[in-house]
Structures are given as C-alpha cells and as structure tokens.
Amino acid sequence: MLRAPQVLQPATKTADQIVFERYDDGDYGYLRVIVSQAQLRIEYHPAADGSQAKTPDDSVTVDLATRKLTQYVAKDLGHPAAVRLTRNSPQRTRHVDRPARGRRSQEEQTKR
C-alpha cells in the first residue's frame, strides 16, 4: 500500500515536481479525456458510480498554451451570451429568490 501524497520527482531547474496525490486501488473505472484548442482535461470516473453518474471523482486540466494546470472552462452548450454574462459577472451568487437547497429563506427564518 502506498502512502499519499508522495513526491515522485522533486523540482529541479529543468523539471517540475511530480506529486502522487491519491489513488483508488479498490474500484475499477475509466478516464474521460476532453480536448479543445485551449485545454486538455482528464477525468477519473469509478465504474461503481453506475451509468447514470457523470461527476468525476478526480480531474486535472492543463492549459495547452502555457502547459500549466488551470481551471476547466466548460463549453457554452449553445448559450454563448449567457455564458459570457456569467463568466464576466463580478459576483457569482445564487439567485436572491431561491435559497440554497436545504436552507430556509430569510423570510422563513424571521417568521419563527
């Protein structure tokens, strides 16, 4: 059994540090690779999640221009104006009229 995290290659002047952060030796799974002109994303999906689950247990995204890790930028799925508005919004908060799932609204809390 490996202990994680574990440094497999320390950083040098010519090479980046490589760290083995986690692993799953109990479940089979598959890798999903998503590539665009700008990014490469690799996701690990355990088979035990079933055919309906689409959330990866682990993922990594690389900016292909800089060759550095980055945040994943999802496709706009045909709604480019809405995506631009959301991505450029100074505040990304939940809609005021809808409280977070499982939480009571401010009005419901004051009624008690």
Protein backbone atom coordinates (compact mmCIF):
# COMPACT_ATOMS: atom_id res chain seq x y z
CA MET A 1 0.00 0.00 0.00
CA LEU A 2 1.27 3.45 -0.95
CA ARG A 3 1.03 6.46 1.26
CA ALA A 4 -0.18 9.57 -0.48
CA PRO A 5 0.70 12.30 -1.15
CA GLN A 6 4.20 11.29 -2.17
CA VAL A 7 6.78 13.26 -4.18
CA LEU A 8 7.87 11.08 -7.09
CA GLN A 9 10.16 13.68 -8.67
CA PRO A 10 11.42 16.75 -6.85
CA ALA A 11 11.54 20.05 -8.71
CA THR A 12 14.82 20.97 -10.39
CA LYS A 13 15.91 23.79 -12.69
CA THR A 14 14.83 21.75 -15.72
CA ALA A 15 11.94 19.64 -14.39
CA ASP A 16 8.72 20.23 -12.48
CA GLN A 17 7.89 18.46 -9.24
CA ILE A 18 5.64 15.43 -9.68
CA VAL A 19 3.42 14.51 -6.72
CA PHE A 20 1.35 11.34 -6.47
CA GLU A 21 -1.64 12.74 -4.56
CA ARG A 22 -4.25 9.97 -4.42
CA TYR A 23 -5.31 6.66 -5.91
CA ASP A 24 -8.15 4.18 -5.92
CA ASP A 25 -6.99 0.58 -5.87
CA GLY A 26 -10.38 -0.80 -4.84
CA ASP A 27 -12.63 0.30 -7.70
CA TYR A 28 -12.32 -0.09 -11.44
CA GLY A 29 -13.07 2.95 -13.51
CA TYR A 30 -12.38 4.79 -16.70
CA LEU A 31 -10.74 8.01 -17.85
CA ARG A 32 -12.64 10.60 -19.84
CA VAL A 33 -10.44 12.89 -21.93
CA ILE A 34 -11.82 16.23 -23.12
CA VAL A 35 -9.69 18.25 -25.53
CA SER A 36 -10.20 21.69 -27.06
CA GLN A 37 -7.76 24.02 -28.81
CA ALA A 38 -7.03 25.64 -25.45
CA GLN A 39 -7.29 22.87 -22.82
CA LEU A 40 -6.77 19.21 -22.05
CA ARG A 41 -8.92 17.76 -19.25
CA ILE A 42 -8.66 14.24 -17.88
CA GLU A 43 -11.33 12.92 -15.50
CA TYR A 44 -11.45 9.67 -13.50
CA HIS A 45 -14.89 8.08 -13.17
CA PRO A 46 -15.26 4.99 -10.95
CA ALA A 47 -17.37 2.25 -12.54
CA ALA A 48 -19.11 1.68 -9.18
CA ASP A 49 -20.94 5.01 -9.64
CA GLY A 50 -23.11 3.39 -12.32
CA SER A 51 -24.08 4.51 -15.77
CA GLN A 52 -26.15 7.49 -14.59
CA ALA A 53 -23.44 9.30 -12.59
CA LYS A 54 -21.43 11.84 -14.56
CA THR A 55 -19.45 13.53 -11.80
CA PRO A 56 -15.74 12.62 -11.82
CA ASP A 57 -14.00 11.61 -8.60
CA ASP A 58 -10.81 13.32 -9.74
CA SER A 59 -9.73 15.53 -12.61
CA VAL A 60 -6.89 17.63 -13.96
CA THR A 61 -6.98 20.42 -16.56
CA VAL A 62 -3.94 21.69 -18.46
CA ASP A 63 -3.73 24.94 -20.41
CA LEU A 64 -2.15 23.83 -23.69
CA ALA A 65 -0.56 27.23 -24.42
CA THR A 66 1.23 27.59 -21.06
CA ARG A 67 1.48 23.87 -20.20
CA LYS A 68 0.33 24.69 -16.67
CA LEU A 69 -2.58 23.44 -14.55
CA THR A 70 -5.65 25.64 -14.83
CA GLN A 71 -9.38 25.81 -14.11
CA TYR A 72 -11.61 23.98 -16.58
CA VAL A 73 -13.64 26.19 -18.92
CA ALA A 74 -16.76 24.27 -19.95
CA LYS A 75 -18.43 24.64 -23.35
CA ASP A 76 -21.32 27.09 -23.60
CA LEU A 77 -23.78 24.47 -24.97
CA GLY A 78 -25.31 26.93 -27.43
CA HIS A 79 -25.84 29.81 -25.00
CA PRO A 80 -22.71 31.98 -25.54
CA ALA A 81 -24.29 35.27 -24.40
CA ALA A 82 -25.45 33.80 -21.07
CA VAL A 83 -22.06 32.18 -20.52
CA ARG A 84 -20.21 35.45 -21.19
CA LEU A 85 -22.51 37.29 -18.79
CA THR A 86 -21.95 34.69 -16.05
CA ARG A 87 -18.18 34.42 -16.52
CA ASN A 88 -17.73 38.21 -16.56
CA SER A 89 -20.06 38.85 -13.63
CA PRO A 90 -18.26 40.48 -10.67
CA GLN A 91 -20.40 38.46 -8.25
CA ARG A 92 -21.35 34.85 -8.88
CA THR A 93 -24.02 34.28 -6.27
CA ARG A 94 -27.23 32.29 -6.04
CA HIS A 95 -30.42 33.89 -7.25
CA VAL A 96 -31.91 36.04 -4.48
CA ASP A 97 -35.38 34.48 -4.71
CA ARG A 98 -34.09 30.91 -4.34
CA PRO A 99 -32.27 29.96 -1.11
CA ALA A 100 -29.65 27.25 -1.20
CA ARG A 101 -31.10 23.74 -1.12
CA GLY A 102 -31.95 22.66 2.41
CA ARG A 103 -31.83 26.18 3.83
CA ARG A 104 -34.77 28.35 4.81
CA SER A 105 -35.11 31.79 3.24
CA GLN A 106 -34.57 34.91 5.35
CA GLU A 107 -38.35 35.45 5.45
CA GLU A 108 -39.00 31.90 6.72
CA GLN A 109 -36.36 32.31 9.44
CA THR A 110 -37.88 35.55 10.76
CA LYS A 111 -41.41 34.03 10.93
CA ARG A 112 -40.32 31.64 13.66
